[in-house]
């Protein structure tokens, strides 16, 4: 009987310790808002937008967008998606879930992009004002294919 009591106490202690670890690792909403505000400002400035312009593009007031910046307000999921789209990033980047500001492509978008690159006249592709060579375009398509394969294997896990 004593062994069962000791086992129960040990199980309870493990659960208490696990709960404490879970609470330690839980995301702090204020920190997320701070990250959102920082990243909103960083991207807004990089794109040359004002708070009013962003507000207009996502269908909110300037005060709301400033509230996102200061942490006084936090966007709902649909608003966060719109905000990410306007800023050319992902909601995961805005909320600090990833440090990669590049938006993720869906499989369909990646395939569509690859087809557009393959079918477009080679003389229209430029980067930073410099025409891309056939080798540059091949490397881009190879990277795109690698990313698509990686996303497929990542989605199965």
N, C-alpha and C. Protein backbone atom coordinates (compact mmCIF):
# COMPACT_ATOMS: atom_id res chain seq x y z
N UNK A 1 0.83 -1.19 0.00
CA UNK A 1 0.00 0.00 0.00
C UNK A 1 0.87 1.24 0.00
N UNK A 2 1.97 1.20 0.77
CA UNK A 2 2.87 2.34 0.84
C UNK A 2 3.50 2.60 -0.51
N UNK A 3 3.81 1.53 -1.25
CA UNK A 3 4.40 1.69 -2.58
C UNK A 3 3.45 2.42 -3.52
N UNK A 4 2.18 2.07 -3.47
CA UNK A 4 1.18 2.72 -4.33
C UNK A 4 1.07 4.19 -3.96
N UNK A 5 1.08 4.48 -2.66
CA UNK A 5 1.00 5.88 -2.20
C UNK A 5 2.22 6.66 -2.68
N UNK A 6 3.39 6.07 -2.56
CA UNK A 6 4.62 6.72 -3.01
C UNK A 6 4.60 6.95 -4.53
N UNK A 7 4.07 5.96 -5.27
CA UNK A 7 3.98 6.11 -6.72
C UNK A 7 3.02 7.24 -7.09
N UNK A 8 1.89 7.30 -6.39
CA UNK A 8 0.94 8.38 -6.66
C UNK A 8 1.54 9.74 -6.36
N UNK A 9 2.26 9.84 -5.24
CA UNK A 9 2.91 11.11 -4.89
C UNK A 9 3.96 11.49 -5.93
N UNK A 10 4.69 10.48 -6.41
CA UNK A 10 5.72 10.73 -7.43
C UNK A 10 5.06 11.20 -8.74
N UNK A 11 3.96 10.57 -9.13
CA UNK A 11 3.25 10.96 -10.34
C UNK A 11 2.73 12.39 -10.20
N UNK A 12 2.15 12.71 -9.04
CA UNK A 12 1.65 14.07 -8.82
C UNK A 12 2.78 15.09 -8.88
N UNK A 13 3.92 14.74 -8.29
CA UNK A 13 5.07 15.66 -8.32
C UNK A 13 5.55 15.88 -9.75
N UNK A 14 5.59 14.80 -10.54
CA UNK A 14 6.00 14.92 -11.95
C UNK A 14 5.03 15.80 -12.73
N UNK A 15 3.73 15.65 -12.46
CA UNK A 15 2.73 16.48 -13.13
C UNK A 15 2.89 17.94 -12.76
N UNK A 16 3.17 18.21 -11.48
CA UNK A 16 3.39 19.59 -11.03
C UNK A 16 4.60 20.18 -11.73
N UNK A 17 5.69 19.41 -11.79
CA UNK A 17 6.91 19.89 -12.46
C UNK A 17 6.66 20.12 -13.94
N UNK A 18 5.91 19.21 -14.58
CA UNK A 18 5.60 19.36 -16.01
C UNK A 18 4.76 20.61 -16.25
N UNK A 19 3.76 20.85 -15.39
CA UNK A 19 2.93 22.05 -15.50
C UNK A 19 3.77 23.31 -15.36
N UNK A 20 4.72 23.29 -14.43
CA UNK A 20 5.59 24.45 -14.23
C UNK A 20 6.43 24.71 -15.47
N UNK A 21 6.96 23.64 -16.08
CA UNK A 21 7.75 23.79 -17.30
C UNK A 21 6.89 24.32 -18.43
N UNK A 22 5.67 23.81 -18.55
CA UNK A 22 4.76 24.28 -19.59
C UNK A 22 4.48 25.76 -19.43
N UNK A 23 4.23 26.19 -18.21
CA UNK A 23 3.96 27.61 -17.95
C UNK A 23 5.18 28.47 -18.23
N UNK A 24 6.38 27.95 -17.93
CA UNK A 24 7.61 28.70 -18.23
C UNK A 24 7.78 28.89 -19.72
N UNK A 25 7.46 27.84 -20.48
CA UNK A 25 7.66 27.88 -21.93
C UNK A 25 6.52 28.54 -22.69
N UNK A 26 5.42 28.81 -22.01
CA UNK A 26 4.28 29.45 -22.69
C UNK A 26 4.69 30.82 -23.18
N UNK A 27 4.16 31.19 -24.34
CA UNK A 27 4.49 32.50 -24.91
C UNK A 27 3.83 33.60 -24.10
N UNK A 28 4.56 34.62 -23.87
CA UNK A 28 4.06 35.79 -23.17
C UNK A 28 3.35 36.68 -24.18
N UNK A 29 2.02 36.88 -24.04
CA UNK A 29 1.30 37.69 -25.03
C UNK A 29 1.87 39.08 -25.19
N UNK A 30 2.36 39.68 -24.11
CA UNK A 30 2.92 41.03 -24.22
C UNK A 30 4.19 41.01 -25.07
N UNK A 31 4.98 39.93 -24.94
CA UNK A 31 6.19 39.82 -25.75
C UNK A 31 5.82 39.67 -27.22
N UNK A 32 4.77 38.86 -27.51
CA UNK A 32 4.33 38.69 -28.89
C UNK A 32 3.89 40.02 -29.49
N UNK A 33 3.15 40.78 -28.71
CA UNK A 33 2.68 42.08 -29.19
C UNK A 33 3.88 42.97 -29.46
N UNK A 34 4.87 42.92 -28.59
CA UNK A 34 6.07 43.72 -28.78
C UNK A 34 6.78 43.33 -30.08
N UNK A 35 6.88 42.03 -30.32
CA UNK A 35 7.50 41.56 -31.55
C UNK A 35 6.68 42.02 -32.75
N UNK A 36 5.36 41.88 -32.65
CA UNK A 36 4.49 42.32 -33.73
C UNK A 36 4.71 43.81 -34.01
N UNK A 37 4.74 44.61 -32.97
CA UNK A 37 4.95 46.05 -33.13
C UNK A 37 6.28 46.38 -33.78
N UNK A 38 7.33 45.69 -33.31
CA UNK A 38 8.66 45.93 -33.88
C UNK A 38 8.71 45.55 -35.36
N UNK A 39 8.16 44.40 -35.67
CA UNK A 39 8.22 43.91 -37.05
C UNK A 39 7.30 44.71 -37.96
N UNK A 40 6.17 45.13 -37.44
CA UNK A 40 5.27 45.99 -38.20
C UNK A 40 6.00 47.27 -38.59
N UNK A 41 6.67 47.88 -37.64
CA UNK A 41 7.40 49.13 -37.91
C UNK A 41 8.54 48.91 -38.89
N UNK A 42 9.28 47.83 -38.68
CA UNK A 42 10.42 47.51 -39.56
C UNK A 42 9.97 47.37 -41.01
N UNK A 43 8.93 46.58 -41.22
CA UNK A 43 8.45 46.34 -42.59
C UNK A 43 7.77 47.57 -43.16
N UNK A 44 7.01 48.28 -42.33
CA UNK A 44 6.33 49.51 -42.77
C UNK A 44 7.36 50.50 -43.29
N UNK A 45 8.42 50.70 -42.51
CA UNK A 45 9.47 51.64 -42.90
C UNK A 45 10.20 51.18 -44.16
N UNK A 46 10.48 49.88 -44.24
CA UNK A 46 11.19 49.34 -45.41
C UNK A 46 10.38 49.53 -46.69
N UNK A 47 9.06 49.43 -46.56
CA UNK A 47 8.19 49.58 -47.73
C UNK A 47 7.80 51.04 -47.99
N UNK A 48 8.11 51.92 -47.04
CA UNK A 48 7.79 53.33 -47.20
C UNK A 48 6.32 53.66 -46.97
N UNK A 49 5.64 52.83 -46.19
CA UNK A 49 4.23 53.07 -45.90
C UNK A 49 4.06 53.87 -44.61
N UNK A 50 2.96 54.58 -44.53
CA UNK A 50 2.58 55.24 -43.28
C UNK A 50 1.58 54.34 -42.56
N UNK A 51 1.33 54.65 -41.29
CA UNK A 51 0.32 53.89 -40.56
C UNK A 51 -1.05 54.04 -41.24
N UNK A 52 -1.33 55.23 -41.71
CA UNK A 52 -2.61 55.49 -42.37
C UNK A 52 -2.75 54.66 -43.65
N UNK A 53 -1.69 54.53 -44.42
CA UNK A 53 -1.74 53.75 -45.65
C UNK A 53 -2.00 52.28 -45.34
N UNK A 54 -1.30 51.76 -44.35
CA UNK A 54 -1.50 50.36 -43.96
C UNK A 54 -2.93 50.16 -43.47
N UNK A 55 -3.40 51.09 -42.65
CA UNK A 55 -4.76 51.00 -42.13
C UNK A 55 -5.76 50.95 -43.27
N UNK A 56 -5.57 51.79 -44.26
CA UNK A 56 -6.46 51.82 -45.42
C UNK A 56 -6.43 50.49 -46.18
N UNK A 57 -5.24 49.91 -46.33
CA UNK A 57 -5.10 48.68 -47.08
C UNK A 57 -5.73 47.48 -46.38
N UNK A 58 -5.76 47.51 -45.04
CA UNK A 58 -6.34 46.36 -44.32
C UNK A 58 -7.75 46.65 -43.82
N UNK A 59 -8.25 47.85 -44.12
CA UNK A 59 -9.62 48.18 -43.75
C UNK A 59 -9.82 48.49 -42.28
N UNK A 60 -8.80 49.05 -41.65
CA UNK A 60 -8.87 49.43 -40.23
C UNK A 60 -8.51 50.90 -40.10
N UNK A 61 -8.67 51.43 -38.89
CA UNK A 61 -8.32 52.83 -38.66
C UNK A 61 -6.82 52.96 -38.38
N UNK A 62 -6.32 54.17 -38.55
CA UNK A 62 -4.91 54.44 -38.24
C UNK A 62 -4.66 54.15 -36.76
N UNK A 63 -5.60 54.50 -35.90
CA UNK A 63 -5.45 54.27 -34.46
C UNK A 63 -5.29 52.77 -34.16
N UNK A 64 -5.99 51.93 -34.90
CA UNK A 64 -5.87 50.49 -34.71
C UNK A 64 -4.47 50.02 -35.07
N UNK A 65 -3.96 50.48 -36.21
CA UNK A 65 -2.61 50.06 -36.64
C UNK A 65 -1.56 50.57 -35.65
N UNK A 66 -1.72 51.79 -35.18
CA UNK A 66 -0.80 52.31 -34.16
C UNK A 66 -0.92 51.48 -32.88
N UNK A 67 -2.14 51.02 -32.57
CA UNK A 67 -2.34 50.15 -31.42
C UNK A 67 -1.60 48.83 -31.56
N UNK A 68 -1.54 48.29 -32.78
CA UNK A 68 -0.76 47.08 -33.02
C UNK A 68 0.71 47.36 -32.73
N UNK A 69 1.17 48.53 -33.15
CA UNK A 69 2.58 48.91 -32.96
C UNK A 69 2.92 49.04 -31.48
N UNK A 70 2.04 49.68 -30.73
CA UNK A 70 2.33 49.95 -29.31
C UNK A 70 2.00 48.78 -28.40
N UNK A 71 1.24 47.82 -28.91
CA UNK A 71 0.85 46.69 -28.08
C UNK A 71 -0.46 46.91 -27.35
N UNK A 72 -1.12 48.01 -27.63
CA UNK A 72 -2.42 48.27 -27.00
C UNK A 72 -3.52 47.45 -27.67
N UNK A 73 -3.29 47.03 -28.91
CA UNK A 73 -4.27 46.22 -29.65
C UNK A 73 -3.53 45.07 -30.30
N UNK A 74 -4.28 44.03 -30.58
CA UNK A 74 -3.71 42.87 -31.25
C UNK A 74 -4.69 42.42 -32.34
N UNK A 75 -4.22 42.18 -33.55
CA UNK A 75 -5.13 41.85 -34.64
C UNK A 75 -5.75 40.47 -34.48
N UNK A 76 -6.98 40.32 -34.97
CA UNK A 76 -7.60 39.01 -35.05
C UNK A 76 -6.92 38.27 -36.20
N UNK A 77 -7.21 36.97 -36.33
CA UNK A 77 -6.53 36.16 -37.34
C UNK A 77 -6.67 36.73 -38.75
N UNK A 78 -7.87 37.09 -39.15
CA UNK A 78 -8.07 37.62 -40.50
C UNK A 78 -7.32 38.93 -40.69
N UNK A 79 -7.31 39.78 -39.65
CA UNK A 79 -6.59 41.05 -39.74
C UNK A 79 -5.08 40.80 -39.82
N UNK A 80 -4.59 39.83 -39.07
CA UNK A 80 -3.16 39.50 -39.11
C UNK A 80 -2.77 38.99 -40.49
N UNK A 81 -3.64 38.18 -41.10
CA UNK A 81 -3.38 37.69 -42.46
C UNK A 81 -3.31 38.84 -43.46
N UNK A 82 -4.25 39.78 -43.35
CA UNK A 82 -4.26 40.94 -44.25
C UNK A 82 -3.00 41.78 -44.03
N UNK A 83 -2.66 41.99 -42.76
CA UNK A 83 -1.48 42.78 -42.43
C UNK A 83 -0.22 42.13 -43.00
N UNK A 84 -0.10 40.82 -42.83
CA UNK A 84 1.06 40.11 -43.37
C UNK A 84 1.12 40.23 -44.89
N UNK A 85 -0.03 40.10 -45.55
CA UNK A 85 -0.06 40.20 -47.02
C UNK A 85 0.37 41.59 -47.48
N UNK A 86 -0.12 42.62 -46.80
CA UNK A 86 0.23 44.00 -47.16
C UNK A 86 1.73 44.23 -46.96
N UNK A 87 2.29 43.63 -45.92
CA UNK A 87 3.70 43.83 -45.61
C UNK A 87 4.62 42.83 -46.32
N UNK A 88 4.03 41.92 -47.10
CA UNK A 88 4.83 40.96 -47.86
C UNK A 88 5.55 39.95 -47.00
N UNK A 89 4.88 39.49 -45.95
CA UNK A 89 5.49 38.52 -45.05
C UNK A 89 4.45 37.52 -44.60
N UNK A 90 4.76 36.76 -43.57
CA UNK A 90 3.82 35.78 -43.03
C UNK A 90 3.38 36.20 -41.63
N UNK A 91 2.25 35.67 -41.21
CA UNK A 91 1.81 35.96 -39.83
C UNK A 91 2.79 35.34 -38.84
N UNK A 92 3.43 34.25 -39.22
CA UNK A 92 4.42 33.62 -38.35
C UNK A 92 5.58 34.56 -38.07
N UNK A 93 5.99 35.32 -39.08
CA UNK A 93 7.07 36.29 -38.87
C UNK A 93 6.58 37.44 -37.99
N UNK A 94 5.39 37.95 -38.26
CA UNK A 94 4.88 39.08 -37.48
C UNK A 94 4.74 38.74 -36.00
N UNK A 95 4.37 37.51 -35.69
CA UNK A 95 4.15 37.12 -34.30
C UNK A 95 5.38 36.55 -33.63
N UNK A 96 6.48 36.44 -34.36
CA UNK A 96 7.72 35.96 -33.75
C UNK A 96 7.87 34.45 -33.74
N UNK A 97 7.00 33.73 -34.44
CA UNK A 97 7.13 32.28 -34.51
C UNK A 97 8.31 31.86 -35.36
N UNK A 98 8.70 32.74 -36.29
CA UNK A 98 9.87 32.49 -37.14
C UNK A 98 10.61 33.81 -37.31
N UNK A 99 11.88 33.70 -37.60
CA UNK A 99 12.67 34.90 -37.88
C UNK A 99 12.87 35.10 -39.37
N UNK A 100 12.22 34.26 -40.18
CA UNK A 100 12.31 34.37 -41.63
C UNK A 100 11.16 35.24 -42.13
N UNK A 101 11.46 36.44 -42.63
CA UNK A 101 10.38 37.33 -43.07
C UNK A 101 9.74 36.93 -44.39
N UNK A 102 10.36 36.02 -45.13
CA UNK A 102 9.81 35.62 -46.43
C UNK A 102 8.53 34.83 -46.21
N UNK A 103 7.47 35.19 -46.93
CA UNK A 103 6.23 34.42 -46.79
C UNK A 103 6.39 33.04 -47.39
N UNK A 104 5.72 32.07 -46.81
CA UNK A 104 5.76 30.71 -47.33
C UNK A 104 4.87 30.61 -48.56
N UNK A 105 5.35 29.87 -49.53
CA UNK A 105 4.53 29.60 -50.72
C UNK A 105 3.78 28.30 -50.51
N UNK A 106 2.53 28.27 -50.94
CA UNK A 106 1.82 27.00 -50.97
C UNK A 106 2.36 26.19 -52.14
N UNK A 107 2.09 24.91 -52.13
CA UNK A 107 2.54 24.05 -53.22
C UNK A 107 2.00 24.57 -54.56
N UNK A 108 0.74 24.95 -54.57
CA UNK A 108 0.11 25.45 -55.79
C UNK A 108 0.80 26.73 -56.28
N UNK A 109 1.10 27.64 -55.35
CA UNK A 109 1.78 28.89 -55.71
C UNK A 109 3.18 28.62 -56.25
N UNK A 110 3.89 27.68 -55.62
CA UNK A 110 5.25 27.36 -56.06
C UNK A 110 5.23 26.76 -57.46
N UNK A 111 4.30 25.87 -57.72
CA UNK A 111 4.19 25.26 -59.05
C UNK A 111 3.84 26.32 -60.09
N UNK A 112 2.90 27.19 -59.75
CA UNK A 112 2.50 28.26 -60.65
C UNK A 112 3.68 29.18 -60.95
N UNK A 113 4.46 29.50 -59.93
CA UNK A 113 5.63 30.35 -60.12
C UNK A 113 6.66 29.67 -61.02
N UNK A 114 6.89 28.39 -60.78
CA UNK A 114 7.86 27.66 -61.61
C UNK A 114 7.43 27.65 -63.07
N UNK A 115 6.14 27.43 -63.32
CA UNK A 115 5.64 27.44 -64.70
C UNK A 115 5.79 28.83 -65.33
N UNK A 116 5.50 29.86 -64.56
CA UNK A 116 5.62 31.22 -65.08
C UNK A 116 7.07 31.53 -65.45
N UNK A 117 7.99 31.10 -64.62
CA UNK A 117 9.42 31.34 -64.89
C UNK A 117 9.85 30.59 -66.14
N UNK A 118 9.43 29.33 -66.27
CA UNK A 118 9.82 28.52 -67.42
C UNK A 118 9.26 29.05 -68.74
N UNK A 119 8.00 29.55 -68.71
CA UNK A 119 7.33 29.96 -69.94
C UNK A 119 7.61 31.40 -70.35
N UNK A 120 8.03 32.23 -69.43
CA UNK A 120 8.23 33.65 -69.73
C UNK A 120 9.45 33.85 -70.62
N UNK A 121 9.40 34.87 -71.46
CA UNK A 121 10.58 35.19 -72.27
C UNK A 121 11.77 35.49 -71.35
N UNK A 122 12.90 34.95 -71.71
CA UNK A 122 14.08 35.06 -70.83
C UNK A 122 14.55 36.51 -70.64
N UNK A 123 14.24 37.37 -71.57
CA UNK A 123 14.75 38.74 -71.48
C UNK A 123 13.96 39.62 -70.51
N UNK A 124 12.86 39.11 -69.93
CA UNK A 124 12.10 39.94 -68.99
C UNK A 124 12.57 39.78 -67.54
N UNK A 125 13.34 38.74 -67.26
CA UNK A 125 13.75 38.47 -65.89
C UNK A 125 14.98 39.29 -65.51
N UNK A 126 14.78 40.13 -64.49
CA UNK A 126 15.85 40.99 -63.98
C UNK A 126 15.87 40.91 -62.46
N UNK A 127 17.03 41.16 -61.91
CA UNK A 127 17.14 41.30 -60.46
C UNK A 127 18.01 42.51 -60.18
N UNK A 128 17.44 43.44 -59.46
CA UNK A 128 18.17 44.66 -59.10
C UNK A 128 18.69 45.37 -60.35
N UNK A 129 17.88 45.33 -61.42
CA UNK A 129 18.22 46.03 -62.65
C UNK A 129 19.14 45.28 -63.59
N UNK A 130 19.57 44.08 -63.20
CA UNK A 130 20.50 43.30 -64.02
C UNK A 130 19.75 42.11 -64.61
N UNK A 131 19.85 41.90 -65.92
CA UNK A 131 19.17 40.75 -66.53
C UNK A 131 19.71 39.43 -65.96
N UNK A 132 18.80 38.47 -65.77
CA UNK A 132 19.20 37.14 -65.30
C UNK A 132 19.65 36.29 -66.48
N UNK A 133 20.67 35.52 -66.27
CA UNK A 133 21.16 34.59 -67.30
C UNK A 133 20.34 33.31 -67.24
N UNK A 134 20.49 32.47 -68.26
CA UNK A 134 19.82 31.16 -68.25
C UNK A 134 20.25 30.36 -67.02
N UNK A 135 21.52 30.47 -66.67
CA UNK A 135 22.03 29.75 -65.49
C UNK A 135 21.37 30.28 -64.21
N UNK A 136 21.18 31.59 -64.09
CA UNK A 136 20.49 32.18 -62.93
C UNK A 136 19.07 31.62 -62.81
N UNK A 137 18.38 31.58 -63.94
CA UNK A 137 17.01 31.09 -63.95
C UNK A 137 16.96 29.61 -63.58
N UNK A 138 17.93 28.84 -64.09
CA UNK A 138 18.00 27.41 -63.73
C UNK A 138 18.20 27.25 -62.23
N UNK A 139 19.09 28.05 -61.64
CA UNK A 139 19.34 27.96 -60.19
C UNK A 139 18.08 28.32 -59.40
N UNK A 140 17.34 29.33 -59.86
CA UNK A 140 16.10 29.72 -59.18
C UNK A 140 15.10 28.57 -59.21
N UNK A 141 14.95 27.94 -60.38
CA UNK A 141 14.03 26.82 -60.50
C UNK A 141 14.48 25.63 -59.65
N UNK A 142 15.79 25.38 -59.59
CA UNK A 142 16.31 24.30 -58.75
C UNK A 142 15.99 24.56 -57.27
N UNK A 143 16.19 25.80 -56.84
CA UNK A 143 15.89 26.17 -55.44
C UNK A 143 14.40 26.02 -55.16
N UNK A 144 13.58 26.43 -56.10
CA UNK A 144 12.14 26.33 -55.95
C UNK A 144 11.72 24.86 -55.84
N UNK A 145 12.29 24.01 -56.69
CA UNK A 145 12.00 22.57 -56.61
C UNK A 145 12.45 21.99 -55.29
N UNK A 146 13.61 22.38 -54.82
CA UNK A 146 14.10 21.90 -53.52
C UNK A 146 13.17 22.32 -52.39
N UNK A 147 12.73 23.56 -52.44
CA UNK A 147 11.83 24.06 -51.41
C UNK A 147 10.50 23.30 -51.44
N UNK A 148 10.01 23.00 -52.63
CA UNK A 148 8.75 22.26 -52.74
C UNK A 148 8.91 20.85 -52.18
N UNK A 149 10.03 20.18 -52.47
CA UNK A 149 10.28 18.84 -51.93
C UNK A 149 10.40 18.89 -50.41
N UNK A 150 11.08 19.90 -49.90
CA UNK A 150 11.23 20.07 -48.46
C UNK A 150 9.86 20.27 -47.80
N UNK A 151 9.03 21.12 -48.39
CA UNK A 151 7.70 21.38 -47.84
C UNK A 151 6.85 20.12 -47.86
N UNK A 152 6.96 19.32 -48.92
CA UNK A 152 6.21 18.06 -48.99
C UNK A 152 6.61 17.14 -47.83
N UNK A 153 7.92 16.95 -47.64
CA UNK A 153 8.39 16.06 -46.58
C UNK A 153 8.08 16.63 -45.20
N UNK A 154 8.12 17.94 -45.08
CA UNK A 154 7.84 18.61 -43.80
C UNK A 154 6.36 18.46 -43.44
N UNK A 155 5.47 18.49 -44.43
CA UNK A 155 4.03 18.39 -44.19
C UNK A 155 3.60 16.98 -43.84
N UNK A 156 4.41 16.00 -44.19
CA UNK A 156 4.05 14.60 -43.87
C UNK A 156 4.37 14.26 -42.43
N UNK A 157 5.30 14.98 -41.82
CA UNK A 157 5.74 14.64 -40.46
C UNK A 157 4.67 14.92 -39.45
